[in-house]
């Protein structure tokens, strides 16, 4: 009895909000968002529900904390803000465009590693702009947008465009891999190839008079690389930003 009491005390001592969030991420990664419950978390941590609620108010708060933890760990560090807005290329390691690509790929890879993250990111960006996640994402991209010399009056619109594209593309890719993998996480290369081959053949079987364009790109769709396609989209947006807001026009 005394040993059990000491074990319970040790569990209470090591249990923290950080450990609960870590355990929640483990459950989300292995079983998906629908299985994250207080009961499952309590069993995973070998503790009682009261201890969970002591550190975390509810499941919504826990999901927000888990999302923030993954994003905070995945996003590249940026220098502390100081002084007035920098000119083109200032305040970044290398070209600001490269900084945007780095942030974009960090978010892309985080969603690929944690499939549940896509839905949570989209939800928190649109429904909780005052939460921890939205400021992290906007700040990480916005600093580089500012360093490109984009006019101040378009900072929000330009940054929002990049954020919307990044989240939309990563969410779509996450849902596609989930479908390929029957909801069990990222599909294998073989499963992905089979999925794209089936889709490509379906396009090729459409009436070419009604769908001439799809016939022309069916093979490209079969052979495309998701990550490369994602970066191509980023480059197209960056090209548009540069064309419409050249550094000389900044102000």
C-alpha atoms as a PDB file:
ATOM      1  CA  UNK A   1       0.000   0.000   0.000  1.00  0.00           C
ATOM      2  CA  UNK A   2       2.842   2.346   0.912  1.00  0.00           C
ATOM      3  CA  UNK A   3       4.595   1.614  -2.390  1.00  0.00           C
ATOM      4  CA  UNK A   4       1.421   2.390  -4.354  1.00  0.00           C
ATOM      5  CA  UNK A   5       1.079   5.676  -2.493  1.00  0.00           C
ATOM      6  CA  UNK A   6       4.678   6.649  -3.313  1.00  0.00           C
ATOM      7  CA  UNK A   7       4.159   5.725  -6.976  1.00  0.00           C
ATOM      8  CA  UNK A   8       1.017   7.871  -7.130  1.00  0.00           C
ATOM      9  CA  UNK A   9       2.880  10.766  -5.568  1.00  0.00           C
ATOM     10  CA  UNK A  10       5.694  10.466  -8.092  1.00  0.00           C
ATOM     11  CA  UNK A  11       3.178  10.475 -10.965  1.00  0.00           C
ATOM     12  CA  UNK A  12       1.590  13.652  -9.633  1.00  0.00           C
ATOM     13  CA  UNK A  13       4.996  15.265  -9.232  1.00  0.00           C
ATOM     14  CA  UNK A  14       6.156  14.610 -12.806  1.00  0.00           C
ATOM     15  CA  UNK A  15       2.804  15.354 -14.414  1.00  0.00           C
ATOM     16  CA  UNK A  16       2.734  18.831 -15.911  1.00  0.00           C
ATOM     17  CA  UNK A  17       0.879  20.748 -18.575  1.00  0.00           C
ATOM     18  CA  UNK A  18       3.832  20.207 -20.907  1.00  0.00           C
ATOM     19  CA  UNK A  19       3.752  16.437 -20.365  1.00  0.00           C
ATOM     20  CA  UNK A  20      -0.014  16.350 -20.941  1.00  0.00           C
ATOM     21  CA  UNK A  21       0.366  18.276 -24.210  1.00  0.00           C
ATOM     22  CA  UNK A  22       3.175  15.939 -25.258  1.00  0.00           C
ATOM     23  CA  UNK A  23       0.985  12.904 -24.523  1.00  0.00           C
ATOM     24  CA  UNK A  24      -1.907  14.449 -26.443  1.00  0.00           C
ATOM     25  CA  UNK A  25       0.327  14.891 -29.487  1.00  0.00           C
ATOM     26  CA  UNK A  26       1.398  11.248 -29.209  1.00  0.00           C
ATOM     27  CA  UNK A  27      -2.234  10.114 -29.186  1.00  0.00           C
ATOM     28  CA  UNK A  28      -3.196  12.429 -32.028  1.00  0.00           C
ATOM     29  CA  UNK A  29      -0.324  11.173 -34.160  1.00  0.00           C
ATOM     30  CA  UNK A  30      -1.086   7.498 -33.598  1.00  0.00           C
ATOM     31  CA  UNK A  31      -4.877   7.418 -33.522  1.00  0.00           C
ATOM     32  CA  UNK A  32      -6.237  10.725 -34.835  1.00  0.00           C
ATOM     33  CA  UNK A  33      -8.204  13.616 -33.384  1.00  0.00           C
ATOM     34  CA  UNK A  34     -11.388  11.625 -32.837  1.00  0.00           C
ATOM     35  CA  UNK A  35      -9.741   9.390 -30.238  1.00  0.00           C
ATOM     36  CA  UNK A  36      -8.372  12.143 -28.020  1.00  0.00           C
ATOM     37  CA  UNK A  37     -10.464  11.969 -24.856  1.00  0.00           C
ATOM     38  CA  UNK A  38      -9.771  12.561 -21.184  1.00  0.00           C
ATOM     39  CA  UNK A  39     -10.156   8.842 -20.577  1.00  0.00           C
ATOM     40  CA  UNK A  40      -7.643   7.909 -23.280  1.00  0.00           C
ATOM     41  CA  UNK A  41      -5.235  10.555 -22.042  1.00  0.00           C
ATOM     42  CA  UNK A  42      -5.607   9.416 -18.438  1.00  0.00           C
ATOM     43  CA  UNK A  43      -4.832   5.824 -19.416  1.00  0.00           C
ATOM     44  CA  UNK A  44      -1.881   6.923 -21.514  1.00  0.00           C
ATOM     45  CA  UNK A  45      -0.429   8.897 -18.597  1.00  0.00           C
ATOM     46  CA  UNK A  46      -1.501   6.423 -15.891  1.00  0.00           C
ATOM     47  CA  UNK A  47      -3.268   9.139 -13.968  1.00  0.00           C
ATOM     48  CA  UNK A  48      -6.777  10.290 -13.112  1.00  0.00           C
ATOM     49  CA  UNK A  49      -9.004  12.669 -15.034  1.00  0.00           C
ATOM     50  CA  UNK A  50      -8.812  15.163 -12.176  1.00  0.00           C
ATOM     51  CA  UNK A  51      -5.087  15.546 -12.707  1.00  0.00           C
ATOM     52  CA  UNK A  52      -5.692  16.234 -16.405  1.00  0.00           C
ATOM     53  CA  UNK A  53      -8.314  18.900 -15.735  1.00  0.00           C
ATOM     54  CA  UNK A  54      -6.050  20.479 -13.127  1.00  0.00           C
ATOM     55  CA  UNK A  55      -3.595  21.416 -15.885  1.00  0.00           C
ATOM     56  CA  UNK A  56      -5.891  21.682 -18.933  1.00  0.00           C
ATOM     57  CA  UNK A  57      -9.369  23.165 -18.906  1.00  0.00           C
ATOM     58  CA  UNK A  58     -10.953  21.128 -21.710  1.00  0.00           C
ATOM     59  CA  UNK A  59     -10.235  19.249 -24.934  1.00  0.00           C
ATOM     60  CA  UNK A  60     -10.503  22.401 -27.049  1.00  0.00           C
ATOM     61  CA  UNK A  61      -7.825  24.090 -24.959  1.00  0.00           C
ATOM     62  CA  UNK A  62      -5.677  20.963 -25.165  1.00  0.00           C
ATOM     63  CA  UNK A  63      -5.943  20.819 -28.972  1.00  0.00           C
ATOM     64  CA  UNK A  64      -4.940  24.467 -29.180  1.00  0.00           C
ATOM     65  CA  UNK A  65      -1.958  23.824 -26.925  1.00  0.00           C
ATOM     66  CA  UNK A  66      -0.924  20.753 -28.933  1.00  0.00           C
ATOM     67  CA  UNK A  67      -1.141  22.721 -32.179  1.00  0.00           C
ATOM     68  CA  UNK A  68       0.885  25.591 -30.766  1.00  0.00           C
ATOM     69  CA  UNK A  69       3.527  23.201 -29.422  1.00  0.00           C
ATOM     70  CA  UNK A  70       4.051  21.536 -32.813  1.00  0.00           C
ATOM     71  CA  UNK A  71       4.104  24.848 -34.689  1.00  0.00           C
ATOM     72  CA  UNK A  72       6.474  26.489 -32.194  1.00  0.00           C
ATOM     73  CA  UNK A  73       8.885  23.559 -32.524  1.00  0.00           C
ATOM     74  CA  UNK A  74       8.630  23.388 -36.317  1.00  0.00           C
ATOM     75  CA  UNK A  75       8.901  27.026 -37.372  1.00  0.00           C
ATOM     76  CA  UNK A  76      12.409  28.421 -37.880  1.00  0.00           C
ATOM     77  CA  UNK A  77      13.580  30.904 -35.286  1.00  0.00           C
ATOM     78  CA  UNK A  78      13.581  34.544 -36.312  1.00  0.00           C
ATOM     79  CA  UNK A  79      15.501  37.498 -34.885  1.00  0.00           C
ATOM     80  CA  UNK A  80      13.798  39.713 -32.333  1.00  0.00           C
ATOM     81  CA  UNK A  81      11.987  42.712 -33.747  1.00  0.00           C
ATOM     82  CA  UNK A  82      13.687  46.022 -33.090  1.00  0.00           C
ATOM     83  CA  UNK A  83      13.508  49.507 -34.537  1.00  0.00           C
ATOM     84  CA  UNK A  84      11.675  50.616 -37.682  1.00  0.00           C
ATOM     85  CA  UNK A  85      10.689  48.382 -40.566  1.00  0.00           C
ATOM     86  CA  UNK A  86      13.828  47.171 -42.378  1.00  0.00           C
ATOM     87  CA  UNK A  87      14.508  47.677 -46.043  1.00  0.00           C
ATOM     88  CA  UNK A  88      14.604  44.916 -48.654  1.00  0.00           C
ATOM     89  CA  UNK A  89      16.702  41.959 -47.505  1.00  0.00           C
ATOM     90  CA  UNK A  90      17.265  43.337 -43.999  1.00  0.00           C
ATOM     91  CA  UNK A  91      16.583  41.349 -40.851  1.00  0.00           C
ATOM     92  CA  UNK A  92      16.665  37.976 -42.598  1.00  0.00           C
ATOM     93  CA  UNK A  93      19.207  35.218 -43.075  1.00  0.00           C
ATOM     94  CA  UNK A  94      19.634  35.424 -46.816  1.00  0.00           C
ATOM     95  CA  UNK A  95      16.981  36.601 -49.237  1.00  0.00           C
ATOM     96  CA  UNK A  96      13.527  37.129 -47.702  1.00  0.00           C
ATOM     97  CA  UNK A  97      12.039  34.955 -50.441  1.00  0.00           C
ATOM     98  CA  UNK A  98      14.170  32.069 -49.163  1.00  0.00           C
ATOM     99  CA  UNK A  99      12.921  32.780 -45.654  1.00  0.00           C
ATOM    100  CA  UNK A 100       9.318  32.479 -46.873  1.00  0.00           C
ATOM    101  CA  UNK A 101      10.112  29.181 -48.586  1.00  0.00           C
ATOM    102  CA  UNK A 102      11.696  27.891 -45.378  1.00  0.00           C
ATOM    103  CA  UNK A 103       8.656  28.810 -43.289  1.00  0.00           C
ATOM    104  CA  UNK A 104       6.298  27.340 -45.889  1.00  0.00           C
ATOM    105  CA  UNK A 105       8.177  24.037 -46.006  1.00  0.00           C
ATOM    106  CA  UNK A 106       8.322  23.921 -42.209  1.00  0.00           C
ATOM    107  CA  UNK A 107       4.524  24.118 -42.070  1.00  0.00           C
ATOM    108  CA  UNK A 108       4.187  21.645 -44.945  1.00  0.00           C
ATOM    109  CA  UNK A 109       6.463  19.128 -43.227  1.00  0.00           C
ATOM    110  CA  UNK A 110       4.759  19.604 -39.852  1.00  0.00           C
ATOM    111  CA  UNK A 111       1.385  18.718 -41.378  1.00  0.00           C
ATOM    112  CA  UNK A 112       2.920  15.747 -43.197  1.00  0.00           C
ATOM    113  CA  UNK A 113       4.293  14.472 -39.885  1.00  0.00           C
ATOM    114  CA  UNK A 114       1.134  15.269 -37.899  1.00  0.00           C
ATOM    115  CA  UNK A 115      -1.918  14.733 -40.204  1.00  0.00           C
ATOM    116  CA  UNK A 116      -4.360  16.048 -37.571  1.00  0.00           C
ATOM    117  CA  UNK A 117      -2.565  19.405 -37.657  1.00  0.00           C
ATOM    118  CA  UNK A 118      -4.085  20.594 -40.948  1.00  0.00           C
ATOM    119  CA  UNK A 119      -7.622  20.869 -39.587  1.00  0.00           C
ATOM    120  CA  UNK A 120      -6.460  22.484 -36.363  1.00  0.00           C
ATOM    121  CA  UNK A 121      -4.305  25.041 -38.166  1.00  0.00           C
ATOM    122  CA  UNK A 122      -7.119  26.087 -40.492  1.00  0.00           C
ATOM    123  CA  UNK A 123      -9.567  26.283 -37.592  1.00  0.00           C
ATOM    124  CA  UNK A 124      -7.318  28.364 -35.352  1.00  0.00           C
ATOM    125  CA  UNK A 125      -6.223  30.732 -38.121  1.00  0.00           C
ATOM    126  CA  UNK A 126      -9.835  31.504 -39.093  1.00  0.00           C
ATOM    127  CA  UNK A 127     -11.624  31.242 -35.733  1.00  0.00           C
ATOM    128  CA  UNK A 128      -8.976  32.275 -33.213  1.00  0.00           C
ATOM    129  CA  UNK A 129      -6.716  34.962 -34.692  1.00  0.00           C
ATOM    130  CA  UNK A 130      -5.958  36.128 -31.130  1.00  0.00           C
ATOM    131  CA  UNK A 131      -4.664  32.712 -30.070  1.00  0.00           C
ATOM    132  CA  UNK A 132      -1.004  31.672 -29.965  1.00  0.00           C
ATOM    133  CA  UNK A 133      -0.870  29.896 -33.335  1.00  0.00           C
ATOM    134  CA  UNK A 134      -2.070  32.656 -35.677  1.00  0.00           C
ATOM    135  CA  UNK A 135       0.451  35.258 -34.466  1.00  0.00           C
ATOM    136  CA  UNK A 136       3.283  32.724 -34.817  1.00  0.00           C
ATOM    137  CA  UNK A 137       2.405  31.891 -38.418  1.00  0.00           C
ATOM    138  CA  UNK A 138       1.701  35.468 -39.527  1.00  0.00           C
ATOM    139  CA  UNK A 139       4.805  36.846 -37.833  1.00  0.00           C
ATOM    140  CA  UNK A 140       7.059  34.175 -39.340  1.00  0.00           C
ATOM    141  CA  UNK A 141       5.872  34.979 -42.867  1.00  0.00           C
ATOM    142  CA  UNK A 142       5.116  38.670 -42.430  1.00  0.00           C
ATOM    143  CA  UNK A 143       8.656  39.598 -41.397  1.00  0.00           C
ATOM    144  CA  UNK A 144       9.952  38.259 -44.683  1.00  0.00           C
ATOM    145  CA  UNK A 145       7.180  39.969 -46.647  1.00  0.00           C
ATOM    146  CA  UNK A 146       8.162  43.263 -45.041  1.00  0.00           C
ATOM    147  CA  UNK A 147      11.839  42.622 -45.821  1.00  0.00           C
ATOM    148  CA  UNK A 148      10.954  42.151 -49.507  1.00  0.00           C
ATOM    149  CA  UNK A 149      10.094  45.839 -49.684  1.00  0.00           C
ATOM    150  CA  UNK A 150       6.368  45.320 -50.060  1.00  0.00           C
ATOM    151  CA  UNK A 151       4.472  48.585 -49.415  1.00  0.00           C
ATOM    152  CA  UNK A 152       3.226  48.790 -45.839  1.00  0.00           C
ATOM    153  CA  UNK A 153      -0.391  49.243 -46.952  1.00  0.00           C
ATOM    154  CA  UNK A 154      -0.358  45.736 -48.497  1.00  0.00           C
ATOM    155  CA  UNK A 155       1.497  43.830 -45.754  1.00  0.00           C
ATOM    156  CA  UNK A 156      -1.634  42.190 -44.380  1.00  0.00           C
ATOM    157  CA  UNK A 157      -3.108  41.262 -47.762  1.00  0.00           C
ATOM    158  CA  UNK A 158       0.175  39.879 -49.082  1.00  0.00           C
ATOM    159  CA  UNK A 159       0.909  37.865 -45.941  1.00  0.00           C
ATOM    160  CA  UNK A 160      -2.664  36.572 -45.811  1.00  0.00           C
ATOM    161  CA  UNK A 161      -2.424  35.396 -49.418  1.00  0.00           C
ATOM    162  CA  UNK A 162       0.683  33.371 -48.611  1.00  0.00           C
ATOM    163  CA  UNK A 163      -0.832  31.956 -45.414  1.00  0.00           C
ATOM    164  CA  UNK A 164      -4.051  30.949 -47.197  1.00  0.00           C
ATOM    165  CA  UNK A 165      -2.152  29.225 -49.980  1.00  0.00           C
ATOM    166  CA  UNK A 166       0.171  27.395 -47.584  1.00  0.00           C
ATOM    167  CA  UNK A 167      -2.658  26.149 -45.373  1.00  0.00           C
ATOM    168  CA  UNK A 168      -4.888  25.265 -48.327  1.00  0.00           C
ATOM    169  CA  UNK A 169      -2.194  23.290 -50.113  1.00  0.00           C
ATOM    170  CA  UNK A 170      -1.003  21.486 -46.989  1.00  0.00           C
ATOM    171  CA  UNK A 171      -4.575  20.640 -45.982  1.00  0.00           C
ATOM    172  CA  UNK A 172      -5.393  19.251 -49.424  1.00  0.00           C
ATOM    173  CA  UNK A 173      -2.236  17.164 -49.462  1.00  0.00           C
ATOM    174  CA  UNK A 174      -2.940  15.899 -45.954  1.00  0.00           C
ATOM    175  CA  UNK A 175      -6.449  14.802 -46.934  1.00  0.00           C
ATOM    176  CA  UNK A 176      -5.160  13.105 -50.072  1.00  0.00           C
ATOM    177  CA  UNK A 177      -2.560  11.082 -48.204  1.00  0.00           C
ATOM    178  CA  UNK A 178      -5.133  10.172 -45.568  1.00  0.00           C
ATOM    179  CA  UNK A 179      -7.441   8.890 -48.302  1.00  0.00           C
ATOM    180  CA  UNK A 180      -4.593   6.933 -49.860  1.00  0.00           C
ATOM    181  CA  UNK A 181      -3.638   5.481 -46.510  1.00  0.00           C
ATOM    182  CA  UNK A 182      -7.237   4.706 -45.479  1.00  0.00           C
ATOM    183  CA  UNK A 183      -6.993   7.238 -42.680  1.00  0.00           C
ATOM    184  CA  UNK A 184      -3.979   5.523 -41.103  1.00  0.00           C
ATOM    185  CA  UNK A 185      -1.435   8.208 -41.802  1.00  0.00           C
ATOM    186  CA  UNK A 186       0.790   9.027 -44.793  1.00  0.00           C
ATOM    187  CA  UNK A 187       0.579   6.514 -47.620  1.00  0.00           C
ATOM    188  CA  UNK A 188       3.559   4.593 -48.949  1.00  0.00           C
ATOM    189  CA  UNK A 189       5.144   5.589 -52.244  1.00  0.00           C
ATOM    190  CA  UNK A 190       3.540   2.538 -53.859  1.00  0.00           C
ATOM    191  CA  UNK A 191       0.055   3.495 -52.636  1.00  0.00           C
ATOM    192  CA  UNK A 192       0.565   7.069 -53.801  1.00  0.00           C
ATOM    193  CA  UNK A 193       1.693   5.896 -57.247  1.00  0.00           C
ATOM    194  CA  UNK A 194      -1.342   3.627 -57.549  1.00  0.00           C
ATOM    195  CA  UNK A 195      -3.672   6.452 -56.486  1.00  0.00           C
ATOM    196  CA  UNK A 196      -2.231   8.894 -59.036  1.00  0.00           C
ATOM    197  CA  UNK A 197      -2.219   6.264 -61.764  1.00  0.00           C
ATOM    198  CA  UNK A 198      -5.924   5.568 -61.190  1.00  0.00           C
ATOM    199  CA  UNK A 199      -6.756   9.274 -61.258  1.00  0.00           C
ATOM    200  CA  UNK A 200      -4.681   9.817 -64.395  1.00  0.00           C
ATOM    201  CA  UNK A 201      -6.376   6.936 -66.232  1.00  0.00           C
ATOM    202  CA  UNK A 202      -9.784   8.267 -65.201  1.00  0.00           C
ATOM    203  CA  UNK A 203      -8.935  11.647 -66.758  1.00  0.00           C
ATOM    204  CA  UNK A 204      -7.673   9.990 -69.928  1.00  0.00           C
ATOM    205  CA  UNK A 205     -10.938   8.087 -70.263  1.00  0.00           C
ATOM    206  CA  UNK A 206     -13.007  11.281 -70.315  1.00  0.00           C
ATOM    207  CA  UNK A 207     -14.362  12.492 -73.654  1.00  0.00           C
ATOM    208  CA  UNK A 208     -11.421  14.417 -75.224  1.00  0.00           C
ATOM    209  CA  UNK A 209     -13.824  16.782 -76.949  1.00  0.00           C
ATOM    210  CA  UNK A 210     -15.254  17.849 -73.590  1.00  0.00           C
ATOM    211  CA  UNK A 211     -11.998  17.695 -71.607  1.00  0.00           C
ATOM    212  CA  UNK A 212      -9.091  18.388 -73.985  1.00  0.00           C
ATOM    213  CA  UNK A 213      -7.005  20.082 -71.307  1.00  0.00           C
ATOM    214  CA  UNK A 214      -7.290  17.189 -68.834  1.00  0.00           C
ATOM    215  CA  UNK A 215      -6.158  14.804 -71.559  1.00  0.00           C
ATOM    216  CA  UNK A 216      -3.068  16.957 -72.103  1.00  0.00           C
ATOM    217  CA  UNK A 217      -2.067  17.030 -68.420  1.00  0.00           C
ATOM    218  CA  UNK A 218      -3.104  13.529 -67.298  1.00  0.00           C
ATOM    219  CA  UNK A 219       0.453  12.221 -67.496  1.00  0.00           C
ATOM    220  CA  UNK A 220       1.804  15.265 -65.659  1.00  0.00           C
ATOM    221  CA  UNK A 221      -0.633  14.669 -62.824  1.00  0.00           C
ATOM    222  CA  UNK A 222       0.508  11.032 -62.548  1.00  0.00           C
ATOM    223  CA  UNK A 223       4.177  11.988 -62.352  1.00  0.00           C
ATOM    224  CA  UNK A 224       4.032  15.146 -60.220  1.00  0.00           C
ATOM    225  CA  UNK A 225       5.767  15.543 -56.866  1.00  0.00           C
ATOM    226  CA  UNK A 226       3.605  17.085 -54.122  1.00  0.00           C
ATOM    227  CA  UNK A 227       6.450  18.928 -52.423  1.00  0.00           C
ATOM    228  CA  UNK A 228       7.769  20.334 -55.703  1.00  0.00           C
ATOM    229  CA  UNK A 229       4.254  21.384 -56.709  1.00  0.00           C
ATOM    230  CA  UNK A 230       3.837  23.121 -53.340  1.00  0.00           C
ATOM    231  CA  UNK A 231       7.045  25.109 -53.808  1.00  0.00           C
ATOM    232  CA  UNK A 232       6.038  26.012 -57.363  1.00  0.00           C
ATOM    233  CA  UNK A 233       2.912  27.621 -55.957  1.00  0.00           C
ATOM    234  CA  UNK A 234       5.003  29.616 -53.473  1.00  0.00           C
ATOM    235  CA  UNK A 235       7.293  30.770 -56.302  1.00  0.00           C
ATOM    236  CA  UNK A 236       4.323  31.872 -58.407  1.00  0.00           C
ATOM    237  CA  UNK A 237       3.014  33.999 -55.541  1.00  0.00           C
ATOM    238  CA  UNK A 238       6.467  35.457 -54.831  1.00  0.00           C
ATOM    239  CA  UNK A 239       6.868  36.302 -58.524  1.00  0.00           C
ATOM    240  CA  UNK A 240       3.544  38.109 -58.420  1.00  0.00           C
ATOM    241  CA  UNK A 241       4.532  40.008 -55.273  1.00  0.00           C
ATOM    242  CA  UNK A 242       7.801  41.117 -56.861  1.00  0.00           C
ATOM    243  CA  UNK A 243       6.092  42.135 -60.085  1.00  0.00           C
ATOM    244  CA  UNK A 244       3.416  44.225 -58.395  1.00  0.00           C
ATOM    245  CA  UNK A 245       5.556  45.591 -55.561  1.00  0.00           C
ATOM    246  CA  UNK A 246       9.151  46.027 -56.747  1.00  0.00           C
ATOM    247  CA  UNK A 247      11.567  47.197 -53.998  1.00  0.00           C
ATOM    248  CA  UNK A 248      11.866  50.632 -55.594  1.00  0.00           C
ATOM    249  CA  UNK A 249       8.150  51.185 -55.011  1.00  0.00           C
ATOM    250  CA  UNK A 250       8.274  50.351 -51.309  1.00  0.00           C
ATOM    251  CA  UNK A 251       6.896  52.948 -48.958  1.00  0.00           C
END
